[in-house]
Amino acid sequence: MTKDVLETVVNWIKDANKIVVLTGVELSAESGVPDFSDPKFNPHINDFRASRDVRAQYWKKIKEIYPSLANAQPNPAHEALVGLEMIGKLDCLFTQTTDGLHHRAGQSTVIELHSTMLWVTCTNCGKDYPIDRILGVLEKGKDVPECEECGGDILKPPISFPGQPPPHWEVREAWMMLHNCDLFLIIGASLDTQPVSSLPTLAKERGAKVVIISERESQADDYVDAVIYGKPSQVLPYLLKRVKEGIEVS
């Protein structure tokens, strides 16, 4: 990461009219939250539906890990993105995170590509429950939650387990937003799999500049317009500070 690249991106942000942002689990990790959408974390949907034991093991794991989500706070990266929205630069934010920290930080334009861990849905009748309520039931001795509406015991967060497609509406909305943006910021996100891996190419084809901010390298680094290697919680506050300085001077 060089100062020249940082200043170039600052100027792109200043000049942009519609910025679209994609965030990923690096932001969650900096707030101490695991990646709940990781296929390694979740059972195959067929196994989950077929076996009560598999469901019991899943909910045992969620109960153990949930305090990290309940106690998590937005970090400076989340707060900087709210600041970018407040100065009228950010048109839309879509995220691979499932922890709700963008909402908690005060972001108003959030599309959750992998849905959320904060709600649980009965796969039989569709009734939704706050996850706190489900975990409260588990604390009373049940190993698998049951639906109060229909009595079914196949309840899960709306995130996609292995064997399930990603949410369609959210991906469609992301594609539509990219058609109209002039700057696409990819922050701490994974670009390893479709449909997300094609989003930088889509944005560039539509004339937008594409910037990656991440601690790790990706296959997209060679064909985007700029890459800033670093922690999102350190890079984003600096960029916002420099952008706001420019606004104050003008």
Protein backbone atom coordinates (compact mmCIF):
# COMPACT_ATOMS: atom_id res chain seq x y z
CA MET A 1 0.00 0.00 0.00
CA THR A 2 1.53 3.27 -1.07
CA LYS A 3 0.54 6.83 -0.31
CA ASP A 4 0.02 7.46 -4.02
CA VAL A 5 -2.60 4.70 -4.23
CA LEU A 6 -4.35 5.99 -1.12
CA GLU A 7 -4.51 9.52 -2.48
CA THR A 8 -5.73 8.29 -5.85
CA VAL A 9 -8.60 6.41 -4.19
CA VAL A 10 -9.40 9.46 -2.05
CA ASN A 11 -9.78 11.51 -5.23
CA TRP A 12 -11.96 8.85 -6.85
CA ILE A 13 -14.25 8.91 -3.83
CA LYS A 14 -14.43 12.70 -3.95
CA ASP A 15 -15.31 12.66 -7.65
CA ALA A 16 -17.81 9.78 -7.49
CA ASN A 17 -21.55 10.39 -7.60
CA LYS A 18 -22.72 6.85 -6.83
CA ILE A 19 -20.51 4.54 -4.82
CA VAL A 20 -21.49 0.91 -4.32
CA VAL A 21 -19.71 -1.06 -1.60
CA LEU A 22 -19.33 -4.80 -1.09
CA THR A 23 -18.11 -5.88 2.35
CA GLY A 24 -17.12 -9.28 3.64
CA VAL A 25 -16.08 -11.29 6.63
CA GLU A 26 -12.85 -9.41 7.28
CA LEU A 27 -15.09 -6.78 8.89
CA SER A 28 -16.76 -9.46 11.01
CA ALA A 29 -13.40 -10.89 12.04
CA GLU A 30 -12.20 -7.49 13.22
CA SER A 31 -15.25 -7.38 15.52
CA GLY A 32 -14.58 -10.92 16.77
CA VAL A 33 -17.44 -12.59 14.88
CA PRO A 34 -17.02 -15.89 12.98
CA ASP A 35 -18.21 -16.42 9.42
CA PHE A 36 -21.58 -18.08 9.99
CA SER A 37 -22.09 -18.56 6.24
CA ASP A 38 -18.89 -20.60 5.78
CA PRO A 39 -19.82 -23.99 4.27
CA LYS A 40 -17.38 -25.60 6.72
CA PHE A 41 -19.44 -24.20 9.57
CA ASN A 42 -22.81 -25.54 8.42
CA PRO A 43 -24.13 -29.05 7.66
CA HIS A 44 -25.40 -30.05 4.23
CA ILE A 45 -29.06 -29.09 3.98
CA ASN A 46 -30.10 -32.69 3.21
CA ASP A 47 -28.37 -33.98 6.34
CA PHE A 48 -29.87 -31.16 8.40
CA ARG A 49 -33.37 -31.99 7.22
CA ALA A 50 -32.99 -35.76 7.57
CA SER A 51 -31.34 -36.09 10.97
CA ARG A 52 -32.43 -34.68 14.31
CA ASP A 53 -28.94 -35.49 15.63
CA VAL A 54 -27.39 -33.26 12.97
CA ARG A 55 -29.79 -30.47 13.92
CA ALA A 56 -28.97 -30.95 17.60
CA GLN A 57 -25.23 -30.70 16.92
CA TYR A 58 -25.76 -27.57 14.84
CA TRP A 59 -27.80 -25.83 17.53
CA LYS A 60 -25.31 -26.85 20.21
CA LYS A 61 -22.57 -25.15 18.19
CA ILE A 62 -24.68 -22.03 17.64
CA LYS A 63 -25.47 -21.79 21.35
CA GLU A 64 -21.76 -21.95 22.18
CA ILE A 65 -20.68 -19.37 19.60
CA TYR A 66 -23.63 -16.96 19.78
CA PRO A 67 -22.20 -14.83 22.62
CA SER A 68 -19.48 -13.63 20.21
CA LEU A 69 -22.25 -12.29 17.96
CA ALA A 70 -24.44 -10.91 20.74
CA ASN A 71 -21.54 -9.00 22.30
CA ALA A 72 -19.96 -7.79 19.04
CA GLN A 73 -19.78 -4.09 18.29
CA PRO A 74 -19.30 -2.27 14.99
CA ASN A 75 -15.66 -1.45 14.40
CA PRO A 76 -14.12 1.66 12.77
CA ALA A 77 -14.65 0.17 9.30
CA HIS A 78 -18.41 -0.07 9.87
CA GLU A 79 -18.45 3.46 11.29
CA ALA A 80 -16.46 4.88 8.37
CA LEU A 81 -18.95 3.41 5.89
CA VAL A 82 -21.78 5.10 7.79
CA GLY A 83 -19.79 8.31 7.50
CA LEU A 84 -19.47 7.79 3.75
CA GLU A 85 -23.25 7.47 3.54
CA MET A 86 -23.79 10.58 5.67
CA ILE A 87 -21.77 12.78 3.30
CA GLY A 88 -23.89 11.57 0.40
CA LYS A 89 -21.31 9.40 -1.35
CA LEU A 90 -22.55 5.87 -0.70
CA ASP A 91 -25.47 4.76 -2.86
CA CYS A 92 -25.74 1.18 -1.65
CA LEU A 93 -23.88 -1.35 0.49
CA PHE A 94 -24.20 -5.08 0.05
CA THR A 95 -22.44 -7.51 2.32
CA GLN A 96 -21.38 -11.11 2.70
CA THR A 97 -21.56 -10.74 6.49
CA THR A 98 -24.48 -12.19 8.43
CA ASP A 99 -23.95 -10.50 11.80
CA GLY A 100 -26.07 -7.37 11.40
CA LEU A 101 -23.22 -5.06 12.45
CA HIS A 102 -23.77 -2.71 9.50
CA HIS A 103 -27.34 -2.16 10.72
CA ARG A 104 -26.15 -1.74 14.30
CA ALA A 105 -23.66 0.89 13.15
CA GLY A 106 -26.50 2.88 11.57
CA GLN A 107 -26.12 2.01 7.89
CA SER A 108 -29.44 2.46 6.10
CA THR A 109 -28.72 0.96 2.68
CA VAL A 110 -27.71 -2.65 3.35
CA ILE A 111 -28.37 -5.71 1.19
CA GLU A 112 -27.33 -8.94 2.94
CA LEU A 113 -26.16 -11.32 0.21
CA HIS A 114 -25.98 -14.29 2.58
CA SER A 115 -28.99 -13.21 4.65
CA THR A 116 -28.67 -13.01 8.46
CA MET A 117 -27.96 -15.00 11.60
CA LEU A 118 -30.27 -12.81 13.66
CA TRP A 119 -33.46 -14.60 12.56
CA VAL A 120 -34.53 -18.24 12.40
CA THR A 121 -37.18 -19.58 10.02
CA CYS A 122 -39.34 -22.69 10.24
CA THR A 123 -38.75 -24.49 6.95
CA ASN A 124 -42.20 -26.11 7.21
CA CYS A 125 -44.54 -23.14 7.68
CA GLY A 126 -42.24 -20.14 7.20
CA LYS A 127 -42.71 -18.53 10.60
CA ASP A 128 -39.77 -16.34 11.66
CA TYR A 129 -38.27 -15.98 15.14
CA PRO A 130 -35.53 -13.76 16.57
CA ILE A 131 -32.55 -15.97 17.27
CA ASP A 132 -32.51 -14.79 20.91
CA ARG A 133 -35.93 -16.37 21.36
CA ILE A 134 -34.82 -19.68 19.85
CA LEU A 135 -31.70 -19.83 21.99
CA GLY A 136 -33.84 -19.05 25.04
CA VAL A 137 -35.82 -22.21 24.29
CA LEU A 138 -32.61 -24.21 24.02
CA GLU A 139 -31.45 -22.90 27.38
CA LYS A 140 -34.52 -24.54 28.93
CA GLY A 141 -33.26 -27.99 28.03
CA LYS A 142 -34.35 -28.65 24.44
CA ASP A 143 -31.66 -29.83 22.05
CA VAL A 144 -33.59 -28.81 18.90
CA PRO A 145 -36.03 -25.87 18.69
CA GLU A 146 -39.61 -26.48 17.60
CA CYS A 147 -41.97 -24.13 15.78
CA GLU A 148 -44.73 -22.66 17.96
CA GLU A 149 -46.97 -22.38 14.92
CA CYS A 150 -46.82 -25.85 13.33
CA GLY A 151 -44.75 -27.95 15.75
CA GLY A 152 -42.04 -28.71 13.17
CA ASP A 153 -38.46 -29.06 14.36
CA ILE A 154 -36.55 -28.08 11.20
CA LEU A 155 -35.78 -24.45 11.98
CA LYS A 156 -32.68 -22.69 10.64
CA PRO A 157 -31.29 -19.24 9.95
CA PRO A 158 -32.10 -18.08 6.39
CA ILE A 159 -28.44 -18.31 5.35
CA SER A 160 -27.69 -20.86 2.65
CA PHE A 161 -26.34 -24.19 3.89
CA PRO A 162 -24.26 -26.38 1.56
CA GLY A 163 -26.67 -27.76 -1.02
CA GLN A 164 -28.79 -24.59 -1.08
CA PRO A 165 -28.52 -21.78 -3.66
CA PRO A 166 -27.68 -18.25 -2.48
CA PRO A 167 -30.61 -15.86 -1.98
CA HIS A 168 -31.77 -14.76 -5.43
CA TRP A 169 -33.37 -11.39 -4.68
CA GLU A 170 -30.29 -10.03 -2.91
CA VAL A 171 -27.94 -11.02 -5.73
CA ARG A 172 -30.29 -9.51 -8.31
CA GLU A 173 -30.39 -6.22 -6.39
CA ALA A 174 -26.59 -6.14 -6.20
CA TRP A 175 -26.32 -6.56 -9.97
CA MET A 176 -28.83 -3.77 -10.56
CA MET A 177 -26.98 -1.36 -8.26
CA LEU A 178 -23.69 -2.02 -10.04
CA HIS A 179 -25.21 -1.04 -13.38
CA ASN A 180 -25.50 2.56 -12.21
CA CYS A 181 -22.46 3.14 -10.00
CA ASP A 182 -19.26 4.97 -10.92
CA LEU A 183 -17.08 3.57 -8.11
CA PHE A 184 -17.20 0.04 -6.67
CA LEU A 185 -15.37 -0.51 -3.36
CA ILE A 186 -14.76 -4.15 -2.38
CA ILE A 187 -13.84 -4.24 1.30
CA GLY A 188 -12.69 -7.36 3.11
CA ALA A 189 -14.81 -9.56 0.86
CA SER A 190 -14.27 -12.96 -0.72
CA LEU A 191 -14.29 -13.03 -4.51
CA ASP A 192 -13.63 -16.75 -4.79
CA THR A 193 -17.04 -17.98 -5.93
CA GLN A 194 -19.89 -16.99 -8.22
CA PRO A 195 -21.92 -14.89 -8.45
CA VAL A 196 -19.76 -12.47 -6.46
CA SER A 197 -16.54 -13.22 -8.36
CA SER A 198 -18.01 -11.70 -11.53
CA LEU A 199 -19.10 -8.42 -9.90
CA PRO A 200 -15.80 -6.53 -10.43
CA THR A 201 -15.91 -7.37 -14.14
CA LEU A 202 -19.54 -6.25 -14.38
CA ALA A 203 -18.73 -2.93 -12.72
CA LYS A 204 -15.75 -2.28 -15.00
CA GLU A 205 -17.79 -3.13 -18.10
CA ARG A 206 -20.28 -0.46 -17.00
CA GLY A 207 -17.51 2.12 -16.71
CA ALA A 208 -17.01 2.15 -12.93
CA LYS A 209 -13.64 2.19 -11.23
CA VAL A 210 -13.09 -0.83 -8.95
CA VAL A 211 -11.04 -0.75 -5.75
CA ILE A 212 -10.22 -3.66 -3.44
CA ILE A 213 -9.37 -3.03 0.22
CA SER A 214 -8.31 -6.22 1.96
CA GLU A 215 -5.68 -7.89 4.10
CA ARG A 216 -5.30 -10.72 1.63
CA GLU A 217 -4.62 -11.10 -2.06
CA SER A 218 -7.29 -12.25 -4.50
CA GLN A 219 -7.48 -13.36 -8.12
CA ALA A 220 -9.20 -10.08 -8.96
CA ASP A 221 -6.26 -7.92 -7.83
CA ASP A 222 -4.62 -7.91 -11.25
CA TYR A 223 -7.56 -6.49 -13.19
CA VAL A 224 -9.17 -3.96 -10.83
CA ASP A 225 -8.14 -0.30 -10.86
CA ALA A 226 -6.51 -0.19 -7.42
CA VAL A 227 -5.74 -2.48 -4.50
CA ILE A 228 -5.07 -1.33 -0.94
CA TYR A 229 -3.69 -4.08 1.29
CA GLY A 230 -4.52 -3.46 4.93
CA LYS A 231 -7.09 -3.85 7.68
CA PRO A 232 -10.42 -2.31 6.67
CA SER A 233 -10.73 -0.83 10.18
CA GLN A 234 -7.54 1.17 9.57
CA VAL A 235 -7.83 2.00 5.87
CA LEU A 236 -11.44 3.18 5.74
CA PRO A 237 -11.26 5.77 8.54
CA TYR A 238 -8.19 7.26 6.86
CA LEU A 239 -9.94 7.47 3.48
CA LEU A 240 -13.04 9.03 5.02
CA LYS A 241 -10.96 11.57 6.93
CA ARG A 242 -9.16 12.63 3.75
CA VAL A 243 -12.40 12.83 1.78
CA LYS A 244 -14.08 14.96 4.45
CA GLU A 245 -11.08 17.28 4.57
CA GLY A 246 -11.57 17.87 0.85
CA ILE A 247 -15.24 18.64 1.34
CA GLU A 248 -14.49 21.10 4.14
CA VAL A 249 -11.90 22.94 2.03
CA SER A 250 -14.29 23.27 -0.89
